[in-house]
């Protein structure tokens, strides 16, 4: 995945390269993870006082809370990824094949 940022709501962004998962905070195991992260100083609350709707798990062991639904965050992530993919012409594809590059 290329570098970029994901809007997690209220003008807050997170690097897409650091995201491991985006989950709902409603299950007991996730609530325990959030509580433990808070106790260890690894919790970032980006809800701005709103209801927590998503917990974003990161590579560094941090958990970022968002007021945006997980499905919405994933859709934003997919849209951003699609925008980065540029279609190539048949001529460019042929040149890449000749040079041994992956198409």
N, C-alpha and C. Protein backbone atom coordinates (compact mmCIF):
# COMPACT_ATOMS: atom_id res chain seq x y z
N UNK A 1 0.85 -1.18 0.00
CA UNK A 1 0.00 0.00 0.00
C UNK A 1 0.90 1.24 0.00
N UNK A 2 0.58 2.19 -0.85
CA UNK A 2 1.36 3.41 -0.91
C UNK A 2 1.02 4.31 0.27
N UNK A 3 1.91 5.30 0.49
CA UNK A 3 1.67 6.19 1.61
C UNK A 3 0.54 7.16 1.26
N UNK A 4 -0.11 7.63 2.28
CA UNK A 4 -1.21 8.56 2.14
C UNK A 4 -1.89 8.67 3.49
N UNK A 5 -2.91 9.47 3.55
CA UNK A 5 -3.60 9.68 4.81
C UNK A 5 -5.09 9.41 4.65
N UNK A 6 -5.69 8.89 5.71
CA UNK A 6 -7.11 8.59 5.74
C UNK A 6 -7.78 9.59 6.67
N UNK A 7 -8.84 10.24 6.18
CA UNK A 7 -9.62 11.17 7.00
C UNK A 7 -10.49 10.33 7.95
N UNK A 8 -10.23 10.46 9.26
CA UNK A 8 -10.98 9.69 10.25
C UNK A 8 -12.04 10.54 10.94
N UNK A 9 -12.28 11.74 10.40
CA UNK A 9 -13.32 12.62 10.92
C UNK A 9 -12.79 13.84 11.63
N UNK A 10 -13.52 14.92 11.53
CA UNK A 10 -13.22 16.18 12.23
C UNK A 10 -11.80 16.67 11.94
N UNK A 11 -11.42 16.64 10.67
CA UNK A 11 -10.10 17.09 10.21
C UNK A 11 -8.95 16.35 10.88
N UNK A 12 -9.17 15.10 11.21
CA UNK A 12 -8.12 14.24 11.76
C UNK A 12 -7.77 13.19 10.72
N UNK A 13 -6.48 12.92 10.60
CA UNK A 13 -5.98 11.99 9.58
C UNK A 13 -5.01 11.01 10.20
N UNK A 14 -4.91 9.83 9.57
CA UNK A 14 -3.97 8.81 10.02
C UNK A 14 -3.27 8.25 8.78
N UNK A 15 -2.00 7.93 8.92
CA UNK A 15 -1.24 7.36 7.81
C UNK A 15 -1.78 5.98 7.46
N UNK A 16 -2.11 5.76 6.19
CA UNK A 16 -2.68 4.48 5.79
C UNK A 16 -1.66 3.35 5.90
N UNK A 17 -0.38 3.66 5.88
CA UNK A 17 0.64 2.61 5.97
C UNK A 17 0.75 2.05 7.38
N UNK A 18 0.20 2.73 8.36
CA UNK A 18 0.29 2.29 9.76
C UNK A 18 -0.94 1.52 10.22
N UNK A 19 -1.98 1.46 9.40
CA UNK A 19 -3.24 0.82 9.80
C UNK A 19 -3.14 -0.69 9.66
N UNK A 20 -3.46 -1.40 10.75
CA UNK A 20 -3.54 -2.86 10.73
C UNK A 20 -4.99 -3.29 10.52
N UNK A 21 -5.91 -2.60 11.20
CA UNK A 21 -7.31 -2.97 11.09
C UNK A 21 -8.22 -1.86 11.56
N UNK A 22 -9.47 -1.93 11.11
CA UNK A 22 -10.51 -0.99 11.52
C UNK A 22 -11.67 -1.83 12.01
N UNK A 23 -12.01 -1.69 13.29
CA UNK A 23 -13.02 -2.55 13.90
C UNK A 23 -14.07 -1.73 14.65
N UNK A 24 -15.20 -2.37 14.89
CA UNK A 24 -16.24 -1.77 15.72
C UNK A 24 -15.83 -1.92 17.18
N UNK A 25 -16.05 -0.91 18.00
CA UNK A 25 -15.64 -0.99 19.41
C UNK A 25 -16.68 -1.64 20.32
N UNK A 26 -17.68 -2.28 19.75
CA UNK A 26 -18.81 -2.78 20.54
C UNK A 26 -18.58 -4.11 21.24
N UNK A 27 -17.64 -4.92 20.78
CA UNK A 27 -17.45 -6.23 21.41
C UNK A 27 -16.61 -6.11 22.68
N UNK A 28 -16.81 -7.04 23.59
CA UNK A 28 -16.07 -7.02 24.86
C UNK A 28 -14.56 -7.11 24.66
N UNK A 29 -14.05 -7.96 23.77
CA UNK A 29 -12.59 -8.02 23.59
C UNK A 29 -12.00 -6.70 23.09
N UNK A 30 -12.70 -6.02 22.19
CA UNK A 30 -12.20 -4.74 21.69
C UNK A 30 -12.26 -3.69 22.79
N UNK A 31 -13.33 -3.70 23.58
CA UNK A 31 -13.42 -2.75 24.71
C UNK A 31 -12.27 -2.98 25.69
N UNK A 32 -11.91 -4.25 25.94
CA UNK A 32 -10.76 -4.54 26.82
C UNK A 32 -9.47 -4.01 26.21
N UNK A 33 -9.30 -4.20 24.90
CA UNK A 33 -8.10 -3.68 24.23
C UNK A 33 -8.02 -2.16 24.36
N UNK A 34 -9.16 -1.49 24.20
CA UNK A 34 -9.20 -0.03 24.32
C UNK A 34 -8.85 0.40 25.74
N UNK A 35 -9.43 -0.29 26.74
CA UNK A 35 -9.14 0.05 28.13
C UNK A 35 -7.65 -0.14 28.44
N UNK A 36 -7.08 -1.24 27.98
CA UNK A 36 -5.66 -1.52 28.21
C UNK A 36 -4.78 -0.48 27.52
N UNK A 37 -5.13 -0.12 26.28
CA UNK A 37 -4.36 0.90 25.56
C UNK A 37 -4.41 2.24 26.29
N UNK A 38 -5.56 2.57 26.86
CA UNK A 38 -5.69 3.82 27.61
C UNK A 38 -4.79 3.80 28.84
N UNK A 39 -4.79 2.67 29.55
CA UNK A 39 -3.96 2.53 30.75
C UNK A 39 -2.47 2.64 30.41
N UNK A 40 -2.09 2.17 29.24
CA UNK A 40 -0.69 2.16 28.83
C UNK A 40 -0.29 3.41 28.04
N UNK A 41 -1.22 4.34 27.86
CA UNK A 41 -0.92 5.57 27.13
C UNK A 41 -0.80 5.36 25.63
N UNK A 42 -1.47 4.34 25.10
CA UNK A 42 -1.42 4.04 23.67
C UNK A 42 -2.75 4.30 22.97
N UNK A 43 -3.60 5.12 23.58
CA UNK A 43 -4.92 5.41 23.02
C UNK A 43 -4.97 6.85 22.53
N UNK A 44 -5.45 7.03 21.31
CA UNK A 44 -5.65 8.36 20.75
C UNK A 44 -7.14 8.51 20.48
N UNK A 45 -7.77 9.47 21.16
CA UNK A 45 -9.21 9.69 21.00
C UNK A 45 -9.44 10.83 20.03
N UNK A 46 -9.88 10.49 18.82
CA UNK A 46 -10.15 11.50 17.79
C UNK A 46 -11.65 11.65 17.56
N UNK A 47 -12.45 11.37 18.59
CA UNK A 47 -13.91 11.45 18.44
C UNK A 47 -14.46 12.85 18.69
N UNK A 48 -13.67 13.71 19.31
CA UNK A 48 -14.11 15.06 19.65
C UNK A 48 -15.39 15.05 20.46
N UNK A 49 -15.48 14.12 21.40
CA UNK A 49 -16.62 14.04 22.30
C UNK A 49 -17.82 13.31 21.74
N UNK A 50 -17.73 12.86 20.51
CA UNK A 50 -18.84 12.11 19.91
C UNK A 50 -18.75 10.63 20.31
N UNK A 51 -19.77 9.88 19.97
CA UNK A 51 -19.79 8.45 20.25
C UNK A 51 -18.71 7.74 19.42
N UNK A 52 -17.99 6.84 20.05
CA UNK A 52 -16.96 6.07 19.35
C UNK A 52 -17.63 5.03 18.47
N UNK A 53 -17.33 5.08 17.18
CA UNK A 53 -17.93 4.13 16.24
C UNK A 53 -16.91 3.22 15.60
N UNK A 54 -15.62 3.59 15.69
CA UNK A 54 -14.57 2.74 15.10
C UNK A 54 -13.31 2.83 15.95
N UNK A 55 -12.62 1.70 16.02
CA UNK A 55 -11.31 1.64 16.65
C UNK A 55 -10.33 1.24 15.55
N UNK A 56 -9.31 2.05 15.36
CA UNK A 56 -8.32 1.80 14.32
C UNK A 56 -7.06 1.26 15.00
N UNK A 57 -6.68 0.04 14.65
CA UNK A 57 -5.51 -0.60 15.23
C UNK A 57 -4.31 -0.27 14.35
N UNK A 58 -3.20 0.15 14.98
CA UNK A 58 -2.03 0.56 14.21
C UNK A 58 -0.83 -0.34 14.49
N UNK A 59 0.15 -0.25 13.60
CA UNK A 59 1.37 -1.04 13.71
C UNK A 59 2.10 -0.82 15.03
N UNK A 60 2.14 0.39 15.51
CA UNK A 60 2.88 0.72 16.72
C UNK A 60 2.19 0.31 18.00
N UNK A 61 1.06 -0.38 17.90
CA UNK A 61 0.34 -0.80 19.09
C UNK A 61 -0.62 0.25 19.62
N UNK A 62 -0.76 1.34 18.90
CA UNK A 62 -1.71 2.38 19.29
C UNK A 62 -3.10 2.03 18.78
N UNK A 63 -4.10 2.53 19.48
CA UNK A 63 -5.48 2.42 19.02
C UNK A 63 -6.01 3.84 18.89
N UNK A 64 -6.57 4.14 17.72
CA UNK A 64 -7.13 5.46 17.45
C UNK A 64 -8.64 5.31 17.38
N UNK A 65 -9.35 6.09 18.19
CA UNK A 65 -10.81 6.06 18.20
C UNK A 65 -11.36 7.11 17.25
N UNK A 66 -12.41 6.73 16.52
CA UNK A 66 -13.03 7.63 15.55
C UNK A 66 -14.54 7.61 15.72
N UNK A 67 -15.18 8.73 15.41
CA UNK A 67 -16.64 8.82 15.46
C UNK A 67 -17.26 8.43 14.12
N UNK A 68 -16.43 8.00 13.18
CA UNK A 68 -16.90 7.59 11.85
C UNK A 68 -17.03 6.07 11.84
N UNK A 69 -18.08 5.56 11.20
CA UNK A 69 -18.32 4.12 11.13
C UNK A 69 -17.20 3.39 10.40
N UNK A 70 -16.87 2.17 10.83
CA UNK A 70 -15.82 1.39 10.15
C UNK A 70 -16.06 1.24 8.65
N UNK A 71 -17.30 0.97 8.24
CA UNK A 71 -17.60 0.81 6.81
C UNK A 71 -17.28 2.08 6.02
N UNK A 72 -17.56 3.23 6.62
CA UNK A 72 -17.26 4.50 5.96
C UNK A 72 -15.76 4.69 5.83
N UNK A 73 -15.01 4.37 6.88
CA UNK A 73 -13.56 4.50 6.83
C UNK A 73 -12.96 3.59 5.76
N UNK A 74 -13.45 2.36 5.69
CA UNK A 74 -12.95 1.42 4.68
C UNK A 74 -13.28 1.93 3.27
N UNK A 75 -14.47 2.47 3.09
CA UNK A 75 -14.85 3.03 1.79
C UNK A 75 -13.93 4.18 1.40
N UNK A 76 -13.62 5.04 2.35
CA UNK A 76 -12.70 6.15 2.08
C UNK A 76 -11.32 5.63 1.71
N UNK A 77 -10.89 4.60 2.40
CA UNK A 77 -9.58 4.01 2.14
C UNK A 77 -9.55 3.41 0.73
N UNK A 78 -10.60 2.71 0.35
CA UNK A 78 -10.68 2.11 -0.98
C UNK A 78 -10.74 3.18 -2.07
N UNK A 79 -11.49 4.25 -1.82
CA UNK A 79 -11.58 5.34 -2.80
C UNK A 79 -10.22 5.98 -3.01
N UNK A 80 -9.48 6.20 -1.93
CA UNK A 80 -8.16 6.81 -2.03
C UNK A 80 -7.22 5.91 -2.81
N UNK A 81 -7.30 4.62 -2.57
CA UNK A 81 -6.44 3.67 -3.27
C UNK A 81 -6.77 3.64 -4.76
N UNK A 82 -8.05 3.68 -5.11
CA UNK A 82 -8.46 3.68 -6.51
C UNK A 82 -7.99 4.93 -7.23
N UNK A 83 -7.97 6.07 -6.54
CA UNK A 83 -7.53 7.32 -7.16
C UNK A 83 -6.06 7.27 -7.52
N UNK A 84 -5.27 6.50 -6.79
CA UNK A 84 -3.84 6.42 -7.05
C UNK A 84 -3.50 5.50 -8.22
N UNK A 85 -4.41 4.60 -8.55
CA UNK A 85 -4.16 3.64 -9.62
C UNK A 85 -4.51 4.30 -10.95
N UNK A 86 -3.49 4.51 -11.78
CA UNK A 86 -3.72 5.11 -13.08
C UNK A 86 -3.77 4.00 -14.13
N UNK A 87 -4.77 4.02 -14.98
CA UNK A 87 -4.80 3.02 -16.04
C UNK A 87 -3.65 3.26 -17.02
N UNK A 88 -3.09 2.17 -17.53
CA UNK A 88 -2.01 2.31 -18.49
C UNK A 88 -2.52 1.93 -19.88
N UNK A 89 -1.87 2.49 -20.88
CA UNK A 89 -2.26 2.19 -22.26
C UNK A 89 -1.69 0.84 -22.65
N UNK A 90 -2.19 0.29 -23.75
CA UNK A 90 -1.68 -0.98 -24.25
C UNK A 90 -0.20 -0.86 -24.60
N UNK A 91 0.19 0.29 -25.15
CA UNK A 91 1.58 0.50 -25.52
C UNK A 91 2.47 0.49 -24.28
N UNK A 92 2.04 1.15 -23.20
CA UNK A 92 2.81 1.15 -21.95
C UNK A 92 2.91 -0.26 -21.38
N UNK A 93 1.83 -1.02 -21.46
CA UNK A 93 1.83 -2.40 -20.95
C UNK A 93 2.81 -3.25 -21.74
N UNK A 94 2.85 -3.06 -23.06
CA UNK A 94 3.77 -3.83 -23.90
C UNK A 94 5.22 -3.47 -23.56
N UNK A 95 5.50 -2.20 -23.35
CA UNK A 95 6.85 -1.78 -22.97
C UNK A 95 7.27 -2.38 -21.63
N UNK A 96 6.32 -2.43 -20.69
CA UNK A 96 6.63 -3.02 -19.38
C UNK A 96 6.91 -4.50 -19.51
N UNK A 97 6.16 -5.20 -20.35
CA UNK A 97 6.39 -6.64 -20.56
C UNK A 97 7.77 -6.88 -21.16
N UNK A 98 8.15 -6.04 -22.14
CA UNK A 98 9.45 -6.18 -22.79
C UNK A 98 10.59 -5.94 -21.82
N UNK A 99 10.41 -5.01 -20.89
CA UNK A 99 11.47 -4.70 -19.94
C UNK A 99 11.45 -5.61 -18.72
N UNK A 100 10.42 -6.48 -18.63
CA UNK A 100 10.35 -7.44 -17.52
C UNK A 100 9.66 -6.90 -16.28
N UNK A 101 9.05 -5.73 -16.35
CA UNK A 101 8.34 -5.17 -15.20
C UNK A 101 6.98 -5.83 -15.05
N UNK A 102 6.48 -5.87 -13.81
CA UNK A 102 5.14 -6.39 -13.56
C UNK A 102 4.11 -5.40 -14.04
N UNK A 103 3.06 -5.91 -14.64
CA UNK A 103 1.98 -5.04 -15.14
C UNK A 103 0.90 -4.97 -14.11
